[in-house]
Amino acid sequence: MRIAKGLLAACLVLPLVARAEEIGEVSTVFKWVGPNDKIVVEAFDDPKVEGVTCYLSRAKTGGVKGGLGLAEDRAEASIACRQVGPIRFTDKLKDGEEVFKERTSLVFKTMQVVRFFDEGRNTLVYLVYSDRVIEGSPQNAVTAIPILPWAAQ
């Protein structure tokens, strides 16, 4: 019963994390067998803030292990979030709230984007980082969006 409750809670939380759309990719290392190593650029919309899109670039490991989903991707990532329309909060924001998460190894490693609201400066701040069950990585990137009026066209 406890497991069923946990699965139900996870299913309720999952829709609040954004799904990424692949914008493009470039090959960085040729592999004789399996896909090449590459850098992918993905976009996702903040699930609680209308009018904001984030662009994430990150490395994906190729080869046989990468093709099978068994390789561990590197921790480096870059992020740029932009206002793409009128900004509107659809729900109450929590500092450090996860807005994007993707597995970067078979079991233990994930890449996450979290959001902060700097109320004094009226700015949204997004941080991307990688973590691992035992030990995370200090490598990170940050982007900020001042909330400005959107000119109607």
N, C-alpha and C. Protein backbone atom coordinates (compact mmCIF):
# COMPACT_ATOMS: atom_id res chain seq x y z
N MET A 1 0.82 -1.19 0.00
CA MET A 1 0.00 0.00 0.00
C MET A 1 0.87 1.26 0.00
N ARG A 2 1.97 1.22 0.77
CA ARG A 2 2.88 2.35 0.86
C ARG A 2 3.51 2.64 -0.51
N ILE A 3 3.86 1.59 -1.26
CA ILE A 3 4.45 1.74 -2.59
C ILE A 3 3.43 2.35 -3.55
N ALA A 4 2.18 1.91 -3.47
CA ALA A 4 1.14 2.44 -4.35
C ALA A 4 0.93 3.94 -4.09
N LYS A 5 0.95 4.35 -2.83
CA LYS A 5 0.81 5.77 -2.50
C LYS A 5 1.99 6.57 -3.05
N GLY A 6 3.19 6.00 -2.94
CA GLY A 6 4.39 6.68 -3.46
C GLY A 6 4.32 6.85 -4.96
N LEU A 7 3.88 5.81 -5.68
CA LEU A 7 3.74 5.90 -7.14
C LEU A 7 2.68 6.92 -7.53
N LEU A 8 1.58 6.95 -6.81
CA LEU A 8 0.53 7.93 -7.09
C LEU A 8 1.05 9.34 -6.87
N ALA A 9 1.78 9.57 -5.80
CA ALA A 9 2.34 10.90 -5.52
C ALA A 9 3.32 11.30 -6.62
N ALA A 10 4.15 10.36 -7.07
CA ALA A 10 5.11 10.65 -8.15
C ALA A 10 4.39 11.01 -9.43
N CYS A 11 3.30 10.32 -9.74
CA CYS A 11 2.54 10.61 -10.95
C CYS A 11 1.90 11.99 -10.90
N LEU A 12 1.51 12.43 -9.70
CA LEU A 12 0.91 13.74 -9.55
C LEU A 12 1.94 14.86 -9.69
N VAL A 13 3.19 14.60 -9.29
CA VAL A 13 4.25 15.60 -9.35
C VAL A 13 4.84 15.69 -10.76
N LEU A 14 4.95 14.59 -11.47
CA LEU A 14 5.60 14.58 -12.77
C LEU A 14 5.08 15.61 -13.76
N PRO A 15 3.78 15.85 -13.88
CA PRO A 15 3.32 16.83 -14.85
C PRO A 15 3.82 18.25 -14.57
N LEU A 16 4.30 18.55 -13.35
CA LEU A 16 4.78 19.87 -13.03
C LEU A 16 6.21 20.11 -13.51
N VAL A 17 6.87 19.08 -14.03
CA VAL A 17 8.22 19.22 -14.56
C VAL A 17 8.11 19.28 -16.08
N ALA A 18 8.78 20.26 -16.67
CA ALA A 18 8.68 20.48 -18.11
C ALA A 18 9.32 19.35 -18.91
N ARG A 19 8.81 19.14 -20.11
CA ARG A 19 9.38 18.20 -21.07
C ARG A 19 10.12 19.04 -22.11
N ALA A 20 11.26 18.55 -22.56
CA ALA A 20 12.08 19.32 -23.50
C ALA A 20 11.79 18.90 -24.94
N GLU A 21 11.92 19.87 -25.83
CA GLU A 21 11.80 19.64 -27.27
C GLU A 21 13.19 19.86 -27.86
N GLU A 22 13.69 18.89 -28.62
CA GLU A 22 15.02 19.04 -29.21
C GLU A 22 14.96 20.05 -30.35
N ILE A 23 15.83 21.06 -30.27
CA ILE A 23 15.91 22.11 -31.28
C ILE A 23 16.95 21.74 -32.34
N GLY A 24 18.06 21.17 -31.92
CA GLY A 24 19.12 20.79 -32.85
C GLY A 24 20.25 20.09 -32.13
N GLU A 25 21.22 19.64 -32.91
CA GLU A 25 22.39 18.95 -32.34
C GLU A 25 23.57 19.11 -33.27
N VAL A 26 24.77 18.99 -32.70
CA VAL A 26 26.00 18.95 -33.48
C VAL A 26 26.84 17.79 -32.99
N SER A 27 27.50 17.11 -33.91
CA SER A 27 28.37 15.99 -33.58
C SER A 27 29.72 16.52 -33.12
N THR A 28 30.25 15.94 -32.04
CA THR A 28 31.53 16.40 -31.52
C THR A 28 32.63 15.35 -31.62
N VAL A 29 32.27 14.07 -31.57
CA VAL A 29 33.25 12.99 -31.66
C VAL A 29 32.66 11.87 -32.51
N PHE A 30 33.38 11.48 -33.57
CA PHE A 30 32.94 10.39 -34.43
C PHE A 30 33.14 9.05 -33.71
N LYS A 31 32.16 8.19 -33.78
CA LYS A 31 32.24 6.84 -33.21
C LYS A 31 32.07 5.84 -34.34
N TRP A 32 32.93 4.83 -34.40
CA TRP A 32 32.82 3.80 -35.44
C TRP A 32 31.55 2.97 -35.25
N VAL A 33 31.21 2.70 -34.00
CA VAL A 33 30.03 1.89 -33.72
C VAL A 33 29.09 2.70 -32.81
N GLY A 34 27.84 2.80 -33.18
CA GLY A 34 26.86 3.54 -32.40
C GLY A 34 26.85 5.01 -32.79
N PRO A 35 25.97 5.77 -32.15
CA PRO A 35 25.87 7.21 -32.47
C PRO A 35 27.12 7.97 -32.02
N ASN A 36 27.37 9.09 -32.68
CA ASN A 36 28.48 9.97 -32.30
C ASN A 36 28.16 10.66 -30.98
N ASP A 37 29.23 11.11 -30.28
CA ASP A 37 29.03 12.03 -29.16
C ASP A 37 28.51 13.33 -29.76
N LYS A 38 27.67 14.04 -29.02
CA LYS A 38 27.10 15.26 -29.59
C LYS A 38 26.72 16.25 -28.50
N ILE A 39 26.45 17.45 -28.94
CA ILE A 39 25.86 18.47 -28.08
C ILE A 39 24.45 18.70 -28.61
N VAL A 40 23.47 18.62 -27.73
CA VAL A 40 22.08 18.85 -28.12
C VAL A 40 21.60 20.17 -27.52
N VAL A 41 20.73 20.83 -28.26
CA VAL A 41 20.08 22.04 -27.78
C VAL A 41 18.59 21.71 -27.67
N GLU A 42 18.05 21.91 -26.47
CA GLU A 42 16.65 21.61 -26.20
C GLU A 42 15.96 22.86 -25.66
N ALA A 43 14.66 22.94 -25.86
CA ALA A 43 13.86 24.04 -25.32
C ALA A 43 12.74 23.47 -24.47
N PHE A 44 12.42 24.19 -23.39
CA PHE A 44 11.27 23.82 -22.59
C PHE A 44 10.65 25.09 -22.01
N ASP A 45 9.34 25.04 -21.83
CA ASP A 45 8.61 26.16 -21.24
C ASP A 45 8.45 25.90 -19.75
N ASP A 46 8.57 26.96 -18.96
CA ASP A 46 8.39 26.83 -17.51
C ASP A 46 6.93 26.45 -17.26
N PRO A 47 6.68 25.35 -16.54
CA PRO A 47 5.29 24.90 -16.35
C PRO A 47 4.44 25.82 -15.48
N LYS A 48 5.04 26.70 -14.67
CA LYS A 48 4.25 27.59 -13.81
C LYS A 48 4.37 29.07 -14.20
N VAL A 49 5.15 29.36 -15.24
CA VAL A 49 5.33 30.75 -15.66
C VAL A 49 5.09 30.83 -17.17
N GLU A 50 3.93 31.32 -17.55
CA GLU A 50 3.65 31.50 -18.97
C GLU A 50 4.52 32.63 -19.50
N GLY A 51 4.98 32.50 -20.75
CA GLY A 51 5.78 33.55 -21.37
C GLY A 51 7.28 33.38 -21.19
N VAL A 52 7.72 32.25 -20.64
CA VAL A 52 9.15 32.00 -20.45
C VAL A 52 9.52 30.67 -21.12
N THR A 53 10.56 30.72 -21.95
CA THR A 53 11.13 29.51 -22.56
C THR A 53 12.61 29.46 -22.21
N CYS A 54 13.08 28.27 -21.85
CA CYS A 54 14.49 28.07 -21.54
C CYS A 54 15.12 27.18 -22.61
N TYR A 55 16.35 27.52 -22.97
CA TYR A 55 17.13 26.75 -23.93
C TYR A 55 18.32 26.17 -23.20
N LEU A 56 18.47 24.86 -23.31
CA LEU A 56 19.49 24.11 -22.59
C LEU A 56 20.39 23.42 -23.60
N SER A 57 21.71 23.60 -23.48
CA SER A 57 22.64 22.82 -24.32
C SER A 57 23.43 21.92 -23.39
N ARG A 58 23.62 20.67 -23.84
CA ARG A 58 24.33 19.70 -23.00
C ARG A 58 24.93 18.61 -23.86
N ALA A 59 25.91 17.93 -23.31
CA ALA A 59 26.59 16.85 -24.02
C ALA A 59 25.81 15.55 -23.88
N LYS A 60 25.80 14.77 -24.95
CA LYS A 60 25.23 13.41 -24.92
C LYS A 60 26.29 12.46 -25.43
N THR A 61 26.56 11.43 -24.64
CA THR A 61 27.58 10.45 -24.98
C THR A 61 27.04 9.46 -25.99
N GLY A 62 27.85 9.17 -27.00
CA GLY A 62 27.45 8.24 -28.04
C GLY A 62 28.08 6.87 -27.84
N GLY A 63 28.43 6.23 -28.95
CA GLY A 63 29.00 4.89 -28.91
C GLY A 63 27.94 3.85 -28.61
N VAL A 64 28.38 2.65 -28.36
CA VAL A 64 27.46 1.56 -28.08
C VAL A 64 26.69 1.81 -26.79
N LYS A 65 27.41 2.20 -25.73
CA LYS A 65 26.74 2.46 -24.45
C LYS A 65 25.74 3.61 -24.56
N GLY A 66 26.14 4.67 -25.26
CA GLY A 66 25.24 5.81 -25.44
C GLY A 66 24.00 5.43 -26.23
N GLY A 67 24.18 4.64 -27.27
CA GLY A 67 23.05 4.20 -28.09
C GLY A 67 22.07 3.34 -27.32
N LEU A 68 22.57 2.60 -26.34
CA LEU A 68 21.71 1.74 -25.52
C LEU A 68 21.18 2.45 -24.27
N GLY A 69 21.62 3.70 -24.06
CA GLY A 69 21.17 4.44 -22.88
C GLY A 69 21.90 4.05 -21.61
N LEU A 70 23.11 3.45 -21.75
CA LEU A 70 23.86 3.00 -20.58
C LEU A 70 25.02 3.92 -20.22
N ALA A 71 25.35 4.87 -21.08
CA ALA A 71 26.49 5.77 -20.84
C ALA A 71 26.11 6.87 -19.85
N GLU A 72 27.12 7.40 -19.18
CA GLU A 72 26.91 8.53 -18.29
C GLU A 72 27.32 9.80 -19.02
N ASP A 73 26.38 10.74 -19.18
CA ASP A 73 26.67 12.00 -19.85
C ASP A 73 27.44 12.92 -18.91
N ARG A 74 28.20 13.83 -19.51
CA ARG A 74 29.00 14.78 -18.72
C ARG A 74 28.08 15.75 -17.98
N ALA A 75 28.62 16.37 -16.93
CA ALA A 75 27.84 17.24 -16.07
C ALA A 75 27.69 18.66 -16.63
N GLU A 76 28.47 19.03 -17.64
CA GLU A 76 28.43 20.40 -18.14
C GLU A 76 27.15 20.69 -18.90
N ALA A 77 26.62 21.89 -18.70
CA ALA A 77 25.43 22.34 -19.43
C ALA A 77 25.44 23.86 -19.46
N SER A 78 24.70 24.40 -20.40
CA SER A 78 24.54 25.84 -20.51
C SER A 78 23.05 26.12 -20.64
N ILE A 79 22.60 27.24 -20.07
CA ILE A 79 21.18 27.56 -20.11
C ILE A 79 20.99 29.04 -20.44
N ALA A 80 19.95 29.31 -21.21
CA ALA A 80 19.54 30.69 -21.51
C ALA A 80 18.01 30.71 -21.53
N CYS A 81 17.42 31.44 -20.62
CA CYS A 81 15.96 31.56 -20.58
C CYS A 81 15.58 32.95 -21.05
N ARG A 82 14.46 33.04 -21.78
CA ARG A 82 14.03 34.30 -22.36
C ARG A 82 12.53 34.51 -22.19
N GLN A 83 12.15 35.77 -22.10
CA GLN A 83 10.73 36.12 -22.10
C GLN A 83 10.27 36.06 -23.55
N VAL A 84 9.25 35.24 -23.83
CA VAL A 84 8.75 35.06 -25.19
C VAL A 84 7.30 35.52 -25.34
N GLY A 85 6.76 36.11 -24.30
CA GLY A 85 5.40 36.60 -24.29
C GLY A 85 5.13 37.26 -22.96
N PRO A 86 3.88 37.67 -22.74
CA PRO A 86 3.55 38.26 -21.44
C PRO A 86 3.78 37.24 -20.33
N ILE A 87 4.45 37.64 -19.27
CA ILE A 87 4.73 36.71 -18.16
C ILE A 87 3.55 36.71 -17.21
N ARG A 88 3.11 35.48 -16.90
CA ARG A 88 1.99 35.29 -15.97
C ARG A 88 2.26 34.04 -15.15
N PHE A 89 2.17 34.17 -13.83
CA PHE A 89 2.34 33.02 -12.94
C PHE A 89 1.03 32.25 -12.90
N THR A 90 1.08 30.95 -13.18
CA THR A 90 -0.13 30.13 -13.16
C THR A 90 -0.35 29.48 -11.80
N ASP A 91 0.64 29.57 -10.92
CA ASP A 91 0.54 28.98 -9.59
C ASP A 91 1.56 29.68 -8.70
N LYS A 92 1.49 29.45 -7.42
CA LYS A 92 2.45 30.03 -6.48
C LYS A 92 3.83 29.42 -6.74
N LEU A 93 4.86 30.28 -6.79
CA LEU A 93 6.23 29.83 -7.04
C LEU A 93 6.94 29.55 -5.72
N LYS A 94 7.78 28.51 -5.73
CA LYS A 94 8.61 28.19 -4.57
C LYS A 94 10.06 28.33 -4.99
N ASP A 95 10.89 29.00 -4.18
CA ASP A 95 12.30 29.13 -4.49
C ASP A 95 12.97 27.76 -4.55
N GLY A 96 13.78 27.55 -5.57
CA GLY A 96 14.47 26.28 -5.75
C GLY A 96 13.60 25.19 -6.34
N GLU A 97 12.42 25.57 -6.85
CA GLU A 97 11.50 24.58 -7.41
C GLU A 97 12.06 24.02 -8.72
N GLU A 98 12.00 22.71 -8.86
CA GLU A 98 12.47 22.03 -10.05
C GLU A 98 11.50 22.26 -11.21
N VAL A 99 12.04 22.73 -12.35
CA VAL A 99 11.19 22.96 -13.52
C VAL A 99 11.55 22.02 -14.67
N PHE A 100 12.72 21.39 -14.59
CA PHE A 100 13.15 20.44 -15.63
C PHE A 100 14.10 19.44 -14.99
N LYS A 101 13.97 18.18 -15.39
CA LYS A 101 14.85 17.14 -14.87
C LYS A 101 14.99 16.05 -15.92
N GLU A 102 16.22 15.62 -16.17
CA GLU A 102 16.44 14.54 -17.12
C GLU A 102 17.55 13.63 -16.62
N ARG A 103 17.36 12.36 -16.80
CA ARG A 103 18.35 11.36 -16.40
C ARG A 103 19.56 11.47 -17.33
N THR A 104 20.77 11.47 -16.77
CA THR A 104 21.98 11.55 -17.58
C THR A 104 22.88 10.33 -17.37
N SER A 105 22.39 9.35 -16.67
CA SER A 105 23.05 8.04 -16.57
C SER A 105 21.95 7.02 -16.32
N LEU A 106 22.30 5.76 -16.38
CA LEU A 106 21.30 4.71 -16.24
C LEU A 106 20.50 4.83 -14.95
N VAL A 107 21.17 5.11 -13.83
CA VAL A 107 20.46 5.10 -12.55
C VAL A 107 20.74 6.32 -11.68
N PHE A 108 21.99 6.71 -11.54
CA PHE A 108 22.37 7.58 -10.43
C PHE A 108 22.49 9.07 -10.71
N LYS A 109 22.49 9.51 -11.94
CA LYS A 109 22.82 10.90 -12.23
C LYS A 109 21.69 11.59 -12.99
N THR A 110 21.37 12.84 -12.59
CA THR A 110 20.35 13.62 -13.28
C THR A 110 20.85 15.05 -13.51
N MET A 111 20.27 15.70 -14.52
CA MET A 111 20.50 17.12 -14.76
C MET A 111 19.19 17.82 -14.45
N GLN A 112 19.28 18.90 -13.68
CA GLN A 112 18.08 19.58 -13.23
C GLN A 112 18.16 21.08 -13.47
N VAL A 113 17.01 21.69 -13.68
CA VAL A 113 16.89 23.14 -13.74
C VAL A 113 15.91 23.53 -12.63
N VAL A 114 16.34 24.47 -11.79
CA VAL A 114 15.49 24.97 -10.72
C VAL A 114 15.29 26.47 -10.91
N ARG A 115 14.19 26.98 -10.37
CA ARG A 115 13.83 28.39 -10.53
C ARG A 115 13.80 29.09 -9.18
N PHE A 116 14.27 30.34 -9.18
CA PHE A 116 14.17 31.22 -8.02
C PHE A 116 13.51 32.51 -8.49
N PHE A 117 12.79 33.19 -7.58
CA PHE A 117 12.19 34.48 -7.89
C PHE A 117 12.83 35.52 -7.00
N ASP A 118 13.59 36.44 -7.60
CA ASP A 118 14.21 37.54 -6.88
C ASP A 118 13.18 38.67 -6.87
N GLU A 119 12.36 38.68 -5.83
CA GLU A 119 11.24 39.61 -5.77
C GLU A 119 11.70 41.06 -5.72
N GLY A 120 12.79 41.34 -5.03
CA GLY A 120 13.29 42.71 -4.91
C GLY A 120 13.70 43.31 -6.25
N ARG A 121 14.16 42.47 -7.16
CA ARG A 121 14.57 42.94 -8.48
C ARG A 121 13.57 42.55 -9.57
N ASN A 122 12.47 41.91 -9.18
CA ASN A 122 11.42 41.47 -10.10
C ASN A 122 12.02 40.62 -11.24
N THR A 123 12.81 39.63 -10.84
CA THR A 123 13.57 38.83 -11.81
C THR A 123 13.43 37.34 -11.50
N LEU A 124 13.26 36.54 -12.55
CA LEU A 124 13.28 35.09 -12.43
C LEU A 124 14.70 34.61 -12.70
N VAL A 125 15.20 33.70 -11.88
CA VAL A 125 16.56 33.16 -12.02
C VAL A 125 16.45 31.65 -12.18
N TYR A 126 17.12 31.12 -13.21
CA TYR A 126 17.12 29.68 -13.48
C TYR A 126 18.54 29.15 -13.35
N LEU A 127 18.70 28.03 -12.65
CA LEU A 127 19.99 27.40 -12.40
C LEU A 127 19.95 25.97 -12.93
N VAL A 128 20.95 25.59 -13.73
CA VAL A 128 21.07 24.20 -14.18
C VAL A 128 22.29 23.58 -13.49
N TYR A 129 22.12 22.35 -13.00
CA TYR A 129 23.21 21.63 -12.37
C TYR A 129 22.96 20.14 -12.51
N SER A 130 23.99 19.37 -12.21
CA SER A 130 23.91 17.92 -12.28
C SER A 130 24.11 17.36 -10.89
N ASP A 131 23.37 16.31 -10.55
CA ASP A 131 23.60 15.68 -9.26
C ASP A 131 23.69 14.17 -9.43
N ARG A 132 24.25 13.55 -8.43
CA ARG A 132 24.44 12.11 -8.41
C ARG A 132 24.09 11.65 -7.00
N VAL A 133 23.63 10.42 -6.86
CA VAL A 133 23.20 9.91 -5.56
C VAL A 133 24.30 10.07 -4.51
N ILE A 134 25.53 9.70 -4.85
CA ILE A 134 26.62 9.77 -3.88
C ILE A 134 27.27 11.16 -3.86
N GLU A 135 27.56 11.70 -5.04
CA GLU A 135 28.32 12.94 -5.11
C GLU A 135 27.87 13.74 -6.33
N GLY A 136 27.50 14.99 -6.12
CA GLY A 136 27.09 15.85 -7.23
C GLY A 136 28.27 16.54 -7.86
N SER A 137 27.99 17.47 -8.75
CA SER A 137 29.03 18.23 -9.43
C SER A 137 28.82 19.71 -9.14
N PRO A 138 29.92 20.45 -8.89
CA PRO A 138 29.76 21.88 -8.67
C PRO A 138 29.56 22.66 -9.98
N GLN A 139 29.70 22.00 -11.13
CA GLN A 139 29.52 22.70 -12.40
C GLN A 139 28.05 23.09 -12.56
N ASN A 140 27.84 24.35 -12.95
CA ASN A 140 26.48 24.86 -13.05
C ASN A 140 26.46 26.04 -14.00
N ALA A 141 25.28 26.47 -14.37
CA ALA A 141 25.10 27.67 -15.17
C ALA A 141 23.82 28.35 -14.70
N VAL A 142 23.77 29.67 -14.85
CA VAL A 142 22.63 30.43 -14.38
C VAL A 142 22.22 31.44 -15.45
N THR A 143 20.93 31.75 -15.48
CA THR A 143 20.40 32.77 -16.37
C THR A 143 19.30 33.51 -15.62
N ALA A 144 19.07 34.75 -15.99
CA ALA A 144 18.06 35.56 -15.29
C ALA A 144 17.20 36.30 -16.30
N ILE A 145 15.92 36.47 -15.96
CA ILE A 145 14.97 37.18 -16.81
C ILE A 145 14.30 38.27 -15.98
N PRO A 146 14.57 39.54 -16.28
CA PRO A 146 13.80 40.59 -15.61
C PRO A 146 12.38 40.57 -16.15
N ILE A 147 11.41 40.67 -15.28
CA ILE A 147 10.01 40.64 -15.71
C ILE A 147 9.62 42.04 -16.18
N LEU A 148 9.41 42.15 -17.48
CA LEU A 148 9.12 43.43 -18.11
C LEU A 148 7.75 43.38 -18.78
N PRO A 149 7.11 44.53 -18.97
CA PRO A 149 5.84 44.53 -19.71
C PRO A 149 6.07 44.04 -21.13
N TRP A 150 5.12 43.31 -21.67
CA TRP A 150 5.22 42.77 -23.03
C TRP A 150 4.40 43.66 -23.95
N ALA A 151 5.04 44.19 -24.98
CA ALA A 151 4.34 45.08 -25.92
C ALA A 151 3.39 44.26 -26.78
N ALA A 152 2.11 44.64 -26.83
CA ALA A 152 1.13 43.93 -27.67
C ALA A 152 1.41 44.29 -29.13
N GLN A 153 1.27 43.30 -29.99
CA GLN A 153 1.54 43.54 -31.42
C GLN A 153 0.27 43.59 -32.21
